Amino acid sequence: RASRLTQLADRVRALPGVAAAGLGSMVPFGNSISTTNYTAPGQEDAKDKPIGYDQKVDGGYFAALGVPILRGRGFDADEVRSKAPVAVVDEMFVKRHFGDTDPLGKHFKIGVGPDQPDREVTIVGVVPTVKLRALDEVADRPSIYQPMPAPPYAAMAVRTTIDPSALIEPLKAVGAEIAPKESVGPILTLDARIADTLRDRERLNGLLGLLGLTA
């Protein structure tokens, strides 16, 4: 699976009209949500551990979504391949646990799973806090990104220099060639993903408008 996903990402990056592509376990406005507890820096003795969004990504993920690196750097190929003990955190994490202090090079621990010791990671970069489910959402917990070549529940983000719809068939063809017995899954533009989150609100606004007109 890891080999096929890596090959798929490499092939997609080579398609005409593709500026960047990256794999992630929690692409914004999707259906996959994963959380983990972590030990905040300097709070190793705290009884209650905070919870953050647990995001596994490859080296092309931030560029594909247009997420800027505000401080430090993203993940290099070796770190992704080896699942190195490094992390990129978002602004909410930094504000909550570091304030005005530089977080780069600082260490903290992330929960891995039942009966497994927490994993210590080093912060190498900081990115903005990204909206994950709705345009008007207020982030309720920080995001922690760790490098992984084949994230669980992986989705691929593809940034294009042409009309995104023109790449749907080439993407299907690449997927069918690499994994002919497996389904690639739905291919949607980010606009379409966002529109899905707005559909219920648009219905409500239409109803309110109709009631207002009737009144």
N, C-alpha and C. Protein backbone atom coordinates (compact mmCIF):
# COMPACT_ATOMS: atom_id res chain seq x y z
N ARG A 1 0.83 -1.20 0.00
CA ARG A 1 0.00 0.00 0.00
C ARG A 1 0.87 1.26 0.00
N ALA A 2 1.89 1.27 0.85
CA ALA A 2 2.77 2.43 0.92
C ALA A 2 3.47 2.66 -0.41
N SER A 3 3.91 1.58 -1.02
CA SER A 3 4.60 1.70 -2.30
C SER A 3 3.66 2.26 -3.38
N ARG A 4 2.42 1.76 -3.40
CA ARG A 4 1.47 2.24 -4.41
C ARG A 4 1.12 3.71 -4.20
N LEU A 5 0.92 4.10 -2.94
CA LEU A 5 0.58 5.50 -2.67
C LEU A 5 1.73 6.43 -3.04
N THR A 6 2.95 6.02 -2.71
CA THR A 6 4.11 6.84 -3.06
C THR A 6 4.26 6.96 -4.57
N GLN A 7 4.08 5.83 -5.26
CA GLN A 7 4.16 5.84 -6.72
C GLN A 7 3.06 6.71 -7.31
N LEU A 8 1.86 6.63 -6.75
CA LEU A 8 0.74 7.44 -7.24
C LEU A 8 1.07 8.92 -7.09
N ALA A 9 1.58 9.33 -5.93
CA ALA A 9 1.91 10.73 -5.72
C ALA A 9 2.98 11.20 -6.71
N ASP A 10 4.00 10.39 -6.93
CA ASP A 10 5.07 10.76 -7.86
C ASP A 10 4.53 10.90 -9.28
N ARG A 11 3.67 9.97 -9.69
CA ARG A 11 3.12 10.02 -11.04
C ARG A 11 2.22 11.24 -11.21
N VAL A 12 1.43 11.54 -10.21
CA VAL A 12 0.52 12.68 -10.31
C VAL A 12 1.30 13.98 -10.40
N ARG A 13 2.40 14.10 -9.65
CA ARG A 13 3.21 15.32 -9.71
C ARG A 13 3.79 15.56 -11.09
N ALA A 14 3.95 14.48 -11.87
CA ALA A 14 4.53 14.60 -13.22
C ALA A 14 3.48 14.91 -14.28
N LEU A 15 2.20 14.92 -13.94
CA LEU A 15 1.15 15.19 -14.93
C LEU A 15 1.20 16.65 -15.37
N PRO A 16 1.00 16.92 -16.66
CA PRO A 16 0.91 18.31 -17.12
C PRO A 16 -0.24 19.03 -16.41
N GLY A 17 0.04 20.23 -15.96
CA GLY A 17 -0.98 21.01 -15.28
C GLY A 17 -0.99 20.86 -13.77
N VAL A 18 -0.12 19.98 -13.24
CA VAL A 18 -0.04 19.79 -11.79
C VAL A 18 1.14 20.60 -11.24
N ALA A 19 0.85 21.49 -10.29
CA ALA A 19 1.90 22.29 -9.67
C ALA A 19 2.47 21.61 -8.44
N ALA A 20 1.62 20.88 -7.71
CA ALA A 20 2.07 20.19 -6.49
C ALA A 20 1.02 19.15 -6.12
N ALA A 21 1.47 18.11 -5.42
CA ALA A 21 0.55 17.07 -4.94
C ALA A 21 1.10 16.53 -3.63
N GLY A 22 0.20 16.20 -2.72
CA GLY A 22 0.63 15.68 -1.43
C GLY A 22 -0.43 14.80 -0.80
N LEU A 23 0.01 13.86 0.02
CA LEU A 23 -0.88 12.94 0.71
C LEU A 23 -1.05 13.37 2.16
N GLY A 24 -2.28 13.25 2.66
CA GLY A 24 -2.55 13.59 4.05
C GLY A 24 -3.70 12.77 4.60
N SER A 25 -3.70 12.60 5.92
CA SER A 25 -4.76 11.82 6.55
C SER A 25 -6.00 12.65 6.89
N MET A 26 -5.89 13.98 6.81
CA MET A 26 -7.02 14.84 7.16
C MET A 26 -7.09 16.03 6.20
N VAL A 27 -7.36 15.78 4.93
CA VAL A 27 -7.49 16.87 3.97
C VAL A 27 -8.70 17.73 4.36
N PRO A 28 -8.57 19.06 4.35
CA PRO A 28 -9.68 19.93 4.78
C PRO A 28 -10.98 19.66 4.04
N PHE A 29 -12.08 19.77 4.78
CA PHE A 29 -13.44 19.60 4.27
C PHE A 29 -13.69 18.17 3.79
N GLY A 30 -12.92 17.23 4.33
CA GLY A 30 -13.15 15.82 4.05
C GLY A 30 -13.89 15.16 5.20
N ASN A 31 -13.85 13.85 5.23
CA ASN A 31 -14.60 13.09 6.23
C ASN A 31 -13.72 12.46 7.31
N SER A 32 -12.42 12.54 7.15
CA SER A 32 -11.52 11.86 8.08
C SER A 32 -11.06 12.81 9.17
N ILE A 33 -11.31 12.44 10.42
CA ILE A 33 -10.87 13.22 11.57
C ILE A 33 -10.15 12.28 12.53
N SER A 34 -8.95 12.67 12.95
CA SER A 34 -8.18 11.85 13.89
C SER A 34 -7.59 12.76 14.96
N THR A 35 -7.67 12.32 16.20
CA THR A 35 -7.12 13.11 17.30
C THR A 35 -6.18 12.25 18.15
N THR A 36 -5.36 12.90 18.91
CA THR A 36 -4.47 12.21 19.83
C THR A 36 -4.20 13.11 21.02
N ASN A 37 -3.90 12.50 22.15
CA ASN A 37 -3.47 13.33 23.28
C ASN A 37 -1.96 13.56 23.16
N TYR A 38 -1.50 14.59 23.85
CA TYR A 38 -0.08 14.88 23.82
C TYR A 38 0.32 15.51 25.14
N THR A 39 1.59 15.44 25.44
CA THR A 39 2.12 16.06 26.63
C THR A 39 2.72 17.40 26.24
N ALA A 40 2.10 18.46 26.73
CA ALA A 40 2.55 19.80 26.36
C ALA A 40 3.97 20.05 26.86
N PRO A 41 4.74 20.81 26.10
CA PRO A 41 6.11 21.10 26.52
C PRO A 41 6.16 21.71 27.92
N GLY A 42 7.01 21.16 28.78
CA GLY A 42 7.16 21.68 30.12
C GLY A 42 6.05 21.28 31.07
N GLN A 43 5.13 20.42 30.63
CA GLN A 43 4.01 20.02 31.48
C GLN A 43 3.95 18.49 31.62
N GLU A 44 5.11 17.90 31.75
CA GLU A 44 5.20 16.44 31.81
C GLU A 44 4.46 15.84 33.01
N ASP A 45 4.28 16.63 34.06
CA ASP A 45 3.63 16.11 35.27
C ASP A 45 2.14 16.40 35.32
N ALA A 46 1.60 17.03 34.29
CA ALA A 46 0.17 17.37 34.28
C ALA A 46 -0.68 16.10 34.24
N LYS A 47 -1.77 16.07 34.99
CA LYS A 47 -2.64 14.89 35.04
C LYS A 47 -3.49 14.78 33.77
N ASP A 48 -4.01 15.90 33.30
CA ASP A 48 -4.87 15.89 32.11
C ASP A 48 -4.06 16.33 30.89
N LYS A 49 -4.05 15.47 29.90
CA LYS A 49 -3.31 15.78 28.67
C LYS A 49 -4.23 16.47 27.67
N PRO A 50 -3.75 17.51 27.00
CA PRO A 50 -4.56 18.14 25.95
C PRO A 50 -4.69 17.22 24.74
N ILE A 51 -5.65 17.54 23.88
CA ILE A 51 -5.91 16.74 22.68
C ILE A 51 -5.72 17.62 21.45
N GLY A 52 -5.08 17.07 20.44
CA GLY A 52 -4.87 17.79 19.20
C GLY A 52 -5.26 16.94 18.01
N TYR A 53 -5.43 17.58 16.87
CA TYR A 53 -5.68 16.84 15.63
C TYR A 53 -4.38 16.16 15.20
N ASP A 54 -4.47 14.87 14.94
CA ASP A 54 -3.31 14.04 14.60
C ASP A 54 -3.23 13.90 13.09
N GLN A 55 -2.36 14.66 12.46
CA GLN A 55 -2.28 14.70 11.00
C GLN A 55 -0.97 14.08 10.53
N LYS A 56 -1.11 13.08 9.66
CA LYS A 56 0.05 12.44 9.04
C LYS A 56 0.11 12.91 7.58
N VAL A 57 1.26 13.41 7.15
CA VAL A 57 1.36 13.99 5.81
C VAL A 57 2.70 13.63 5.18
N ASP A 58 2.77 13.75 3.84
CA ASP A 58 4.05 13.57 3.18
C ASP A 58 4.67 14.93 2.90
N GLY A 59 5.79 14.93 2.20
CA GLY A 59 6.53 16.17 2.00
C GLY A 59 5.87 17.18 1.09
N GLY A 60 4.91 16.75 0.26
CA GLY A 60 4.27 17.68 -0.67
C GLY A 60 2.95 18.24 -0.20
N TYR A 61 2.52 17.84 0.98
CA TYR A 61 1.17 18.19 1.45
C TYR A 61 0.94 19.69 1.60
N PHE A 62 1.85 20.38 2.27
CA PHE A 62 1.64 21.81 2.52
C PHE A 62 1.63 22.62 1.22
N ALA A 63 2.54 22.30 0.30
CA ALA A 63 2.57 23.02 -0.98
C ALA A 63 1.31 22.77 -1.79
N ALA A 64 0.80 21.53 -1.74
CA ALA A 64 -0.40 21.20 -2.51
C ALA A 64 -1.61 21.99 -2.03
N LEU A 65 -1.71 22.22 -0.73
CA LEU A 65 -2.84 22.98 -0.19
C LEU A 65 -2.55 24.48 -0.13
N GLY A 66 -1.34 24.88 -0.46
CA GLY A 66 -1.00 26.29 -0.39
C GLY A 66 -0.87 26.78 1.04
N VAL A 67 -0.50 25.88 1.95
CA VAL A 67 -0.32 26.25 3.36
C VAL A 67 1.12 26.74 3.54
N PRO A 68 1.31 28.00 3.90
CA PRO A 68 2.68 28.52 4.03
C PRO A 68 3.38 28.03 5.30
N ILE A 69 4.68 27.89 5.23
CA ILE A 69 5.48 27.60 6.41
C ILE A 69 5.84 28.94 7.04
N LEU A 70 5.29 29.21 8.22
CA LEU A 70 5.49 30.51 8.86
C LEU A 70 6.83 30.61 9.55
N ARG A 71 7.28 29.50 10.12
CA ARG A 71 8.59 29.45 10.77
C ARG A 71 9.20 28.10 10.48
N GLY A 72 10.52 28.06 10.44
CA GLY A 72 11.19 26.78 10.24
C GLY A 72 10.99 26.23 8.85
N ARG A 73 10.59 24.96 8.77
CA ARG A 73 10.51 24.26 7.48
C ARG A 73 9.47 23.16 7.56
N GLY A 74 9.21 22.57 6.38
CA GLY A 74 8.37 21.39 6.31
C GLY A 74 9.22 20.13 6.45
N PHE A 75 8.73 19.02 5.92
CA PHE A 75 9.44 17.74 6.04
C PHE A 75 10.22 17.43 4.77
N ASP A 76 11.44 16.93 4.93
CA ASP A 76 12.20 16.52 3.75
C ASP A 76 11.92 15.05 3.44
N ALA A 77 12.42 14.60 2.29
CA ALA A 77 12.11 13.25 1.81
C ALA A 77 12.58 12.17 2.77
N ASP A 78 13.76 12.35 3.35
CA ASP A 78 14.30 11.34 4.28
C ASP A 78 13.43 11.24 5.53
N GLU A 79 12.95 12.38 6.04
CA GLU A 79 12.10 12.37 7.22
C GLU A 79 10.77 11.67 6.95
N VAL A 80 10.23 11.90 5.77
CA VAL A 80 8.98 11.24 5.41
C VAL A 80 9.20 9.74 5.27
N ARG A 81 10.26 9.35 4.60
CA ARG A 81 10.54 7.93 4.35
C ARG A 81 10.75 7.17 5.66
N SER A 82 11.43 7.80 6.61
CA SER A 82 11.77 7.12 7.86
C SER A 82 10.78 7.40 8.99
N LYS A 83 9.76 8.22 8.70
CA LYS A 83 8.80 8.63 9.75
C LYS A 83 9.56 9.21 10.93
N ALA A 84 10.42 10.14 10.65
CA ALA A 84 11.32 10.71 11.65
C ALA A 84 10.54 11.36 12.81
N PRO A 85 11.12 11.40 13.99
CA PRO A 85 10.45 11.98 15.16
C PRO A 85 10.50 13.51 15.16
N VAL A 86 9.89 14.10 14.15
CA VAL A 86 9.80 15.55 14.03
C VAL A 86 8.33 15.91 13.82
N ALA A 87 8.01 17.18 14.05
CA ALA A 87 6.62 17.61 13.90
C ALA A 87 6.57 19.05 13.42
N VAL A 88 5.53 19.34 12.66
CA VAL A 88 5.14 20.71 12.34
C VAL A 88 3.86 20.98 13.12
N VAL A 89 3.81 22.10 13.80
CA VAL A 89 2.63 22.44 14.59
C VAL A 89 1.99 23.71 14.04
N ASP A 90 0.73 23.94 14.41
CA ASP A 90 0.06 25.14 13.90
C ASP A 90 0.17 26.30 14.89
N GLU A 91 -0.33 27.46 14.44
CA GLU A 91 -0.22 28.67 15.26
C GLU A 91 -0.97 28.54 16.59
N MET A 92 -2.09 27.81 16.58
CA MET A 92 -2.84 27.63 17.81
C MET A 92 -2.00 26.89 18.85
N PHE A 93 -1.27 25.88 18.42
CA PHE A 93 -0.38 25.12 19.31
C PHE A 93 0.67 26.05 19.90
N VAL A 94 1.27 26.86 19.04
CA VAL A 94 2.34 27.76 19.50
C VAL A 94 1.79 28.79 20.48
N LYS A 95 0.66 29.40 20.15
CA LYS A 95 0.08 30.42 21.02
C LYS A 95 -0.28 29.83 22.38
N ARG A 96 -0.80 28.61 22.37
CA ARG A 96 -1.27 27.98 23.61
C ARG A 96 -0.11 27.55 24.50
N HIS A 97 0.97 27.06 23.90
CA HIS A 97 2.02 26.45 24.71
C HIS A 97 3.35 27.22 24.74
N PHE A 98 3.54 28.18 23.83
CA PHE A 98 4.81 28.89 23.80
C PHE A 98 4.66 30.41 23.89
N GLY A 99 3.49 30.94 23.60
CA GLY A 99 3.32 32.39 23.62
C GLY A 99 4.23 33.04 22.60
N ASP A 100 5.07 33.95 23.06
CA ASP A 100 6.01 34.65 22.17
C ASP A 100 7.36 33.96 22.06
N THR A 101 7.50 32.81 22.71
CA THR A 101 8.77 32.08 22.67
C THR A 101 8.89 31.28 21.37
N ASP A 102 10.08 31.21 20.83
CA ASP A 102 10.32 30.46 19.60
C ASP A 102 10.17 28.96 19.88
N PRO A 103 9.26 28.26 19.16
CA PRO A 103 9.04 26.84 19.43
C PRO A 103 10.00 25.91 18.69
N LEU A 104 10.74 26.44 17.73
CA LEU A 104 11.59 25.57 16.90
C LEU A 104 12.66 24.89 17.75
N GLY A 105 12.79 23.59 17.54
CA GLY A 105 13.78 22.81 18.28
C GLY A 105 13.29 22.30 19.62
N LYS A 106 12.10 22.72 20.03
CA LYS A 106 11.56 22.27 21.31
C LYS A 106 10.96 20.87 21.14
N HIS A 107 10.89 20.13 22.25
CA HIS A 107 10.40 18.76 22.23
C HIS A 107 9.08 18.63 22.98
N PHE A 108 8.26 17.70 22.55
CA PHE A 108 7.08 17.31 23.32
C PHE A 108 6.72 15.89 22.93
N LYS A 109 5.79 15.28 23.66
CA LYS A 109 5.44 13.89 23.42
C LYS A 109 4.01 13.75 22.91
N ILE A 110 3.83 12.80 21.98
CA ILE A 110 2.53 12.54 21.36
C ILE A 110 2.09 11.12 21.68
N GLY A 111 0.82 10.96 22.01
CA GLY A 111 0.28 9.63 22.23
C GLY A 111 0.25 8.83 20.95
N VAL A 112 0.63 7.56 21.05
CA VAL A 112 0.69 6.68 19.87
C VAL A 112 -0.48 5.72 19.85
N GLY A 113 -0.83 5.16 20.99
CA GLY A 113 -1.93 4.20 21.04
C GLY A 113 -1.91 3.45 22.35
N PRO A 114 -2.93 2.61 22.58
CA PRO A 114 -3.00 1.85 23.83
C PRO A 114 -1.76 0.97 24.02
N ASP A 115 -1.28 0.95 25.25
CA ASP A 115 -0.15 0.09 25.63
C ASP A 115 1.13 0.41 24.87
N GLN A 116 1.22 1.63 24.32
CA GLN A 116 2.45 2.04 23.66
C GLN A 116 2.96 3.33 24.30
N PRO A 117 4.26 3.45 24.45
CA PRO A 117 4.81 4.67 25.06
C PRO A 117 4.61 5.88 24.14
N ASP A 118 4.43 7.03 24.76
CA ASP A 118 4.32 8.26 23.96
C ASP A 118 5.60 8.48 23.16
N ARG A 119 5.44 9.15 22.05
CA ARG A 119 6.57 9.38 21.13
C ARG A 119 7.06 10.82 21.29
N GLU A 120 8.33 10.98 21.53
CA GLU A 120 8.90 12.33 21.63
C GLU A 120 9.27 12.84 20.25
N VAL A 121 8.85 14.07 19.95
CA VAL A 121 9.14 14.67 18.65
C VAL A 121 9.74 16.06 18.85
N THR A 122 10.43 16.52 17.82
CA THR A 122 11.05 17.84 17.82
C THR A 122 10.31 18.73 16.83
N ILE A 123 9.97 19.94 17.23
CA ILE A 123 9.26 20.87 16.35
C ILE A 123 10.24 21.47 15.35
N VAL A 124 9.94 21.31 14.06
CA VAL A 124 10.80 21.86 13.01
C VAL A 124 10.13 22.95 12.20
N GLY A 125 8.80 23.12 12.36
CA GLY A 125 8.11 24.13 11.57
C GLY A 125 6.78 24.52 12.19
N VAL A 126 6.28 25.68 11.73
CA VAL A 126 4.99 26.20 12.18
C VAL A 126 4.19 26.63 10.96
N VAL A 127 2.91 26.23 10.93
CA VAL A 127 2.01 26.61 9.84
C VAL A 127 0.77 27.28 10.42
N PRO A 128 -0.03 27.96 9.58
CA PRO A 128 -1.27 28.54 10.08
C PRO A 128 -2.24 27.46 10.55
N THR A 129 -3.17 27.85 11.40
CA THR A 129 -4.25 26.95 11.79
C THR A 129 -5.24 26.87 10.64
N VAL A 130 -5.46 25.68 10.11
CA VAL A 130 -6.26 25.48 8.90
C VAL A 130 -7.70 25.11 9.27
N LYS A 131 -8.66 25.68 8.57
CA LYS A 131 -10.06 25.28 8.76
C LYS A 131 -10.24 23.89 8.18
N LEU A 132 -10.82 22.99 8.95
CA LEU A 132 -10.90 21.59 8.55
C LEU A 132 -12.29 21.15 8.13
N ARG A 133 -13.35 21.77 8.70
CA ARG A 133 -14.69 21.27 8.43
C ARG A 133 -15.67 22.33 7.95
N ALA A 134 -15.44 23.60 8.26
CA ALA A 134 -16.38 24.65 7.87
C ALA A 134 -15.63 25.97 7.74
N LEU A 135 -16.12 26.84 6.85
CA LEU A 135 -15.46 28.12 6.62
C LEU A 135 -15.52 29.02 7.85
N ASP A 136 -16.57 28.86 8.65
CA ASP A 136 -16.74 29.74 9.80
C ASP A 136 -16.33 29.07 11.12
N GLU A 137 -15.66 27.95 11.03
CA GLU A 137 -15.31 27.26 12.27
C GLU A 137 -14.27 28.02 13.07
N VAL A 138 -14.37 27.89 14.38
CA VAL A 138 -13.36 28.41 15.29
C VAL A 138 -12.61 27.19 15.83
N ALA A 139 -11.32 27.15 15.58
CA ALA A 139 -10.53 25.97 15.94
C ALA A 139 -10.70 25.64 17.42
N ASP A 140 -11.01 24.38 17.71
CA ASP A 140 -11.19 23.95 19.09
C ASP A 140 -9.99 23.22 19.65
N ARG A 141 -9.06 22.87 18.78
CA ARG A 141 -7.85 22.20 19.23
C ARG A 141 -6.76 22.38 18.17
N PRO A 142 -5.50 22.31 18.57
CA PRO A 142 -4.42 22.53 17.60
C PRO A 142 -4.19 21.31 16.71
N SER A 143 -3.48 21.55 15.62
CA SER A 143 -3.09 20.47 14.71
C SER A 143 -1.60 20.18 14.87
N ILE A 144 -1.30 18.88 14.87
CA ILE A 144 0.08 18.40 14.93
C ILE A 144 0.32 17.54 13.70
N TYR A 145 1.30 17.91 12.91
CA TYR A 145 1.62 17.19 11.67
C TYR A 145 2.89 16.37 11.87
N GLN A 146 2.82 15.09 11.46
CA GLN A 146 3.99 14.22 11.50
C GLN A 146 4.23 13.62 10.12
N PRO A 147 5.49 13.35 9.75
CA PRO A 147 5.79 12.85 8.41
C PRO A 147 5.49 11.36 8.26
N MET A 148 4.88 11.01 7.14
CA MET A 148 4.58 9.61 6.85
C MET A 148 4.37 9.47 5.34
N PRO A 149 5.00 8.48 4.70
CA PRO A 149 4.88 8.35 3.25
C PRO A 149 3.52 7.86 2.79
N ALA A 150 2.82 7.09 3.61
CA ALA A 150 1.51 6.55 3.24
C ALA A 150 0.56 6.71 4.42
N PRO A 151 0.01 7.90 4.61
CA PRO A 151 -0.83 8.15 5.78
C PRO A 151 -2.06 7.25 5.81
N PRO A 152 -2.56 6.93 7.01
CA PRO A 152 -3.81 6.17 7.09
C PRO A 152 -4.96 7.00 6.53
N TYR A 153 -5.93 6.32 5.90
CA TYR A 153 -7.08 7.02 5.29
C TYR A 153 -6.61 8.13 4.36
N ALA A 154 -5.55 7.86 3.61
CA ALA A 154 -4.91 8.91 2.83
C ALA A 154 -5.83 9.48 1.76
N ALA A 155 -5.77 10.80 1.63
CA ALA A 155 -6.36 11.50 0.50
C ALA A 155 -5.25 12.32 -0.13
N MET A 156 -5.37 12.56 -1.42
CA MET A 156 -4.35 13.33 -2.11
C MET A 156 -4.88 14.71 -2.47
N ALA A 157 -4.12 15.72 -2.13
CA ALA A 157 -4.42 17.09 -2.54
C ALA A 157 -3.56 17.41 -3.75
N VAL A 158 -4.19 17.97 -4.78
CA VAL A 158 -3.48 18.28 -6.02
C VAL A 158 -3.72 19.74 -6.36
N ARG A 159 -2.65 20.51 -6.45
CA ARG A 159 -2.74 21.92 -6.87
C ARG A 159 -2.47 22.00 -8.37
N THR A 160 -3.34 22.68 -9.08
CA THR A 160 -3.23 22.70 -10.54
C THR A 160 -2.95 24.10 -11.07
N THR A 161 -2.43 24.14 -12.29
CA THR A 161 -2.24 25.40 -13.00
C THR A 161 -3.28 25.54 -14.11
N ILE A 162 -4.16 24.54 -14.22
CA ILE A 162 -5.22 24.55 -15.23
C ILE A 162 -6.55 24.27 -14.54
N ASP A 163 -7.62 24.25 -15.29
CA ASP A 163 -8.93 23.92 -14.74
C ASP A 163 -8.85 22.54 -14.07
N PRO A 164 -9.15 22.46 -12.77
CA PRO A 164 -9.02 21.17 -12.07
C PRO A 164 -9.82 20.05 -12.71
N SER A 165 -10.98 20.37 -13.26
CA SER A 165 -11.82 19.32 -13.85
C SER A 165 -11.13 18.64 -15.02
N ALA A 166 -10.18 19.33 -15.66
CA ALA A 166 -9.46 18.74 -16.80
C ALA A 166 -8.52 17.63 -16.37
N LEU A 167 -8.25 17.53 -15.07
CA LEU A 167 -7.32 16.51 -14.58
C LEU A 167 -8.02 15.29 -14.01
N ILE A 168 -9.33 15.31 -13.94
CA ILE A 168 -10.05 14.20 -13.33
C ILE A 168 -9.79 12.89 -14.07
N GLU A 169 -9.93 12.89 -15.39
CA GLU A 169 -9.70 11.65 -16.16
C GLU A 169 -8.25 11.20 -16.11
N PRO A 170 -7.25 12.11 -16.28
CA PRO A 170 -5.86 11.67 -16.13
C PRO A 170 -5.57 11.09 -14.75
N LEU A 171 -6.16 11.64 -13.70
CA LEU A 171 -5.95 11.11 -12.36
C LEU A 171 -6.54 9.71 -12.24
N LYS A 172 -7.72 9.50 -12.79
CA LYS A 172 -8.33 8.17 -12.77
C LYS A 172 -7.45 7.17 -13.53
N ALA A 173 -6.91 7.61 -14.66
CA ALA A 173 -6.08 6.71 -15.47
C ALA A 173 -4.82 6.29 -14.73
N VAL A 174 -4.18 7.24 -14.05
CA VAL A 174 -2.98 6.91 -13.29
C VAL A 174 -3.33 5.95 -12.16
N GLY A 175 -4.42 6.21 -11.47
CA GLY A 175 -4.83 5.32 -10.39
C GLY A 175 -5.12 3.91 -10.87
N ALA A 176 -5.80 3.80 -12.02
CA ALA A 176 -6.14 2.49 -12.57
C ALA A 176 -4.90 1.73 -13.02
N GLU A 177 -3.90 2.47 -13.48
CA GLU A 177 -2.66 1.81 -13.94
C GLU A 177 -1.85 1.27 -12.77
N ILE A 178 -1.78 2.04 -11.68
CA ILE A 178 -0.97 1.63 -10.54
C ILE A 178 -1.68 0.57 -9.69
N ALA A 179 -2.98 0.71 -9.51
CA ALA A 179 -3.73 -0.24 -8.68
C ALA A 179 -5.02 -0.62 -9.41
N PRO A 180 -4.92 -1.47 -10.45
CA PRO A 180 -6.08 -1.78 -11.28
C PRO A 180 -7.21 -2.48 -10.54
N LYS A 181 -6.92 -3.13 -9.42
CA LYS A 181 -7.96 -3.86 -8.70
C LYS A 181 -8.56 -3.05 -7.55
N GLU A 182 -8.14 -1.80 -7.41
CA GLU A 182 -8.62 -0.98 -6.31
C GLU A 182 -9.28 0.29 -6.83
N SER A 183 -10.21 0.80 -6.05
CA SER A 183 -10.91 2.03 -6.41
C SER A 183 -10.14 3.24 -5.92
N VAL A 184 -10.00 4.23 -6.78
CA VAL A 184 -9.30 5.45 -6.40
C VAL A 184 -10.15 6.28 -5.45
N GLY A 185 -11.46 6.18 -5.56
CA GLY A 185 -12.34 7.00 -4.73
C GLY A 185 -12.76 8.26 -5.46
N PRO A 186 -13.62 9.06 -4.86
CA PRO A 186 -14.13 10.26 -5.55
C PRO A 186 -13.02 11.29 -5.75
N ILE A 187 -13.07 11.95 -6.88
CA ILE A 187 -12.15 13.05 -7.19
C ILE A 187 -12.98 14.33 -7.25
N LEU A 188 -12.74 15.22 -6.30
CA LEU A 188 -13.55 16.43 -6.17
C LEU A 188 -12.65 17.65 -6.11
N THR A 189 -13.16 18.78 -6.62
CA THR A 189 -12.44 20.03 -6.43
C THR A 189 -12.68 20.51 -5.00
N LEU A 190 -11.78 21.33 -4.50
CA LEU A 190 -11.96 21.87 -3.16
C LEU A 190 -13.22 22.74 -3.10
N ASP A 191 -13.52 23.43 -4.19
CA ASP A 191 -14.76 24.21 -4.25
C ASP A 191 -15.97 23.31 -4.00
N ALA A 192 -15.96 22.12 -4.59
CA ALA A 192 -17.07 21.20 -4.41
C ALA A 192 -17.14 20.70 -2.97
N ARG A 193 -15.99 20.43 -2.38
CA ARG A 193 -15.97 20.01 -0.98
C ARG A 193 -16.57 21.10 -0.08
N ILE A 194 -16.17 22.35 -0.33
CA ILE A 194 -16.68 23.45 0.49
C ILE A 194 -18.17 23.63 0.26
N ALA A 195 -18.61 23.49 -1.00
CA ALA A 195 -20.04 23.63 -1.30
C ALA A 195 -20.87 22.61 -0.54
N ASP A 196 -20.33 21.40 -0.35
CA ASP A 196 -21.05 20.38 0.42
C ASP A 196 -21.28 20.83 1.86
N THR A 197 -20.30 21.54 2.42
CA THR A 197 -20.45 22.00 3.81
C THR A 197 -21.43 23.15 3.91
N LEU A 198 -21.71 23.82 2.81
CA LEU A 198 -22.60 24.98 2.83
C LEU A 198 -24.03 24.64 2.44
N ARG A 199 -24.26 23.41 1.96
CA ARG A 199 -25.57 23.07 1.39
C ARG A 199 -26.70 23.25 2.40
N ASP A 200 -26.54 22.74 3.61
CA ASP A 200 -27.61 22.87 4.61
C ASP A 200 -27.87 24.32 4.96
N ARG A 201 -26.81 25.11 5.02
CA ARG A 201 -26.99 26.53 5.35
C ARG A 201 -27.71 27.26 4.21
N GLU A 202 -27.39 26.89 2.97
CA GLU A 202 -28.07 27.53 1.84
C GLU A 202 -29.55 27.19 1.83
N ARG A 203 -29.89 25.94 2.20
CA ARG A 203 -31.31 25.58 2.30
C ARG A 203 -32.00 26.41 3.36
N LEU A 204 -31.34 26.55 4.52
CA LEU A 204 -31.93 27.34 5.61
C LEU A 204 -32.09 28.79 5.20
N ASN A 205 -31.06 29.36 4.55
CA ASN A 205 -31.16 30.74 4.10
C ASN A 205 -32.27 30.92 3.08
N GLY A 206 -32.44 29.92 2.19
CA GLY A 206 -33.53 29.99 1.22
C GLY A 206 -34.89 29.96 1.90
N LEU A 207 -35.01 29.11 2.92
CA LEU A 207 -36.27 29.02 3.66
C LEU A 207 -36.55 30.33 4.39
N LEU A 208 -35.54 30.89 5.03
CA LEU A 208 -35.72 32.15 5.75
C LEU A 208 -36.09 33.27 4.78
N GLY A 209 -35.45 33.25 3.59
CA GLY A 209 -35.79 34.26 2.59
C GLY A 209 -37.24 34.14 2.13
N LEU A 210 -37.68 32.88 1.94
CA LEU A 210 -39.06 32.65 1.51
C LEU A 210 -40.06 33.11 2.59
N LEU A 211 -39.75 32.79 3.85
CA LEU A 211 -40.60 33.22 4.94
C LEU A 211 -40.64 34.75 5.06
N GLY A 212 -39.47 35.37 4.84
CA GLY A 212 -39.42 36.83 4.87
C GLY A 212 -40.26 37.44 3.76
N LEU A 213 -40.16 36.85 2.56
CA LEU A 213 -40.94 37.34 1.42
C LEU A 213 -42.44 37.16 1.69
N THR A 214 -42.79 36.01 2.27
CA THR A 214 -44.20 35.76 2.59
C THR A 214 -44.70 36.77 3.61
N ALA A 215 -43.89 37.04 4.62
CA ALA A 215 -44.30 38.04 5.62
C ALA A 215 -44.46 39.43 5.00
